[in-house]
Amino acid sequence: MAAVKKAIEAGFAGWAKGPAMAENVPKPKTQRLLDVTDRPGAPQATVYVGLPAPNATSPDNIPLGVTNALLEGRLVLELRAIFGRS
């Protein structure tokens, strides 16, 4: 691991530091919305659920993204197994 770190540091040693990240974070809209679209004859439904998320500078952003990716895949597999979808 030390050799990898040393190689990375050597490879990027000549790079200049970039500008600071912009802190232009929009305020979230507090809103509840239910949109039902009739799809006669559709074999299955599509459900989207959203919640406010941390901004990109939040220390919670990356851990929540990883957790979401892990749980989302598992949830889909569980629901497909429960409802007999393969």
Protein backbone atom coordinates (compact mmCIF):
# COMPACT_ATOMS: atom_id res chain seq x y z
CA MET A 1 0.00 0.00 0.00
CA ALA A 2 2.87 2.37 0.77
CA ALA A 3 4.31 1.82 -2.71
CA VAL A 4 0.96 2.71 -4.31
CA LYS A 5 0.69 5.88 -2.22
CA LYS A 6 4.26 6.85 -3.15
CA ALA A 7 3.56 6.27 -6.87
CA ILE A 8 0.39 8.36 -6.73
CA GLU A 9 2.14 11.20 -4.92
CA ALA A 10 4.98 11.13 -7.47
CA GLY A 11 2.54 11.10 -10.39
CA PHE A 12 0.59 14.12 -9.16
CA ALA A 13 3.49 16.07 -7.61
CA GLY A 14 3.65 18.58 -10.47
CA TRP A 15 -0.06 19.42 -10.45
CA ALA A 16 -1.13 22.82 -9.15
CA LYS A 17 -3.95 23.01 -6.63
CA GLY A 18 -7.27 23.95 -8.21
CA PRO A 19 -9.73 26.60 -7.05
CA ALA A 20 -11.79 26.06 -3.93
CA MET A 21 -15.12 24.31 -4.41
CA ALA A 22 -18.06 26.68 -4.90
CA GLU A 23 -20.50 26.89 -1.99
CA ASN A 24 -23.58 27.75 -4.03
CA VAL A 25 -26.04 25.33 -2.44
CA PRO A 26 -29.71 25.87 -3.31
CA LYS A 27 -32.34 25.71 -0.57
CA PRO A 28 -34.50 22.57 -0.80
CA LYS A 29 -38.20 22.96 -1.53
CA THR A 30 -40.40 21.47 1.17
CA GLN A 31 -43.16 19.89 -0.85
CA ARG A 32 -45.20 16.72 -0.88
CA LEU A 33 -46.21 15.48 -4.28
CA LEU A 34 -48.19 12.47 -5.39
CA ASP A 35 -48.42 11.95 -9.13
CA VAL A 36 -50.44 8.95 -10.30
CA THR A 37 -50.23 8.04 -13.97
CA ASP A 38 -52.75 5.51 -15.25
CA ARG A 39 -51.10 2.84 -17.36
CA PRO A 40 -53.90 0.48 -18.42
CA GLY A 41 -52.64 -3.02 -19.12
CA ALA A 42 -49.18 -2.39 -17.68
CA PRO A 43 -47.71 -5.63 -16.27
CA GLN A 44 -46.05 -3.86 -13.34
CA ALA A 45 -45.85 -0.52 -11.56
CA THR A 46 -42.99 1.94 -11.24
CA VAL A 47 -42.64 3.73 -7.91
CA TYR A 48 -40.24 6.60 -7.23
CA VAL A 49 -39.68 7.89 -3.71
CA GLY A 50 -37.45 10.84 -2.91
CA LEU A 51 -36.26 12.63 0.18
CA PRO A 52 -34.06 15.64 0.78
CA ALA A 53 -30.42 14.66 0.47
CA PRO A 54 -27.23 16.21 1.86
CA ASN A 55 -25.33 18.56 -0.39
CA ALA A 56 -22.07 17.51 -2.02
CA THR A 57 -19.93 19.09 0.72
CA SER A 58 -21.65 17.22 3.56
CA PRO A 59 -19.56 14.56 5.29
CA ASP A 60 -22.65 12.30 5.08
CA ASN A 61 -22.87 12.49 1.28
CA ILE A 62 -20.53 9.61 0.34
CA PRO A 63 -21.56 7.19 3.13
CA LEU A 64 -25.24 7.75 2.30
CA GLY A 65 -24.58 7.21 -1.41
CA VAL A 66 -22.82 3.91 -0.74
CA THR A 67 -25.56 2.77 1.64
CA ASN A 68 -28.22 3.69 -0.90
CA ALA A 69 -26.48 1.72 -3.64
CA LEU A 70 -26.17 -1.36 -1.41
CA LEU A 71 -29.72 -1.28 -0.04
CA GLU A 72 -31.38 -0.38 -3.33
CA GLY A 73 -30.05 -3.49 -5.04
CA ARG A 74 -30.98 -5.70 -2.10
CA LEU A 75 -34.47 -4.21 -1.85
CA VAL A 76 -35.16 -4.84 -5.53
CA LEU A 77 -34.00 -8.46 -5.19
CA GLU A 78 -36.18 -9.01 -2.11
CA LEU A 79 -39.28 -7.50 -3.73
CA ARG A 80 -38.80 -9.55 -6.88
CA ALA A 81 -38.50 -12.72 -4.77
CA ILE A 82 -41.57 -11.87 -2.68
CA PHE A 83 -43.75 -11.15 -5.70
CA GLY A 84 -42.39 -13.97 -7.86
CA ARG A 85 -40.67 -11.84 -10.47
CA SER A 86 -37.48 -13.30 -11.89
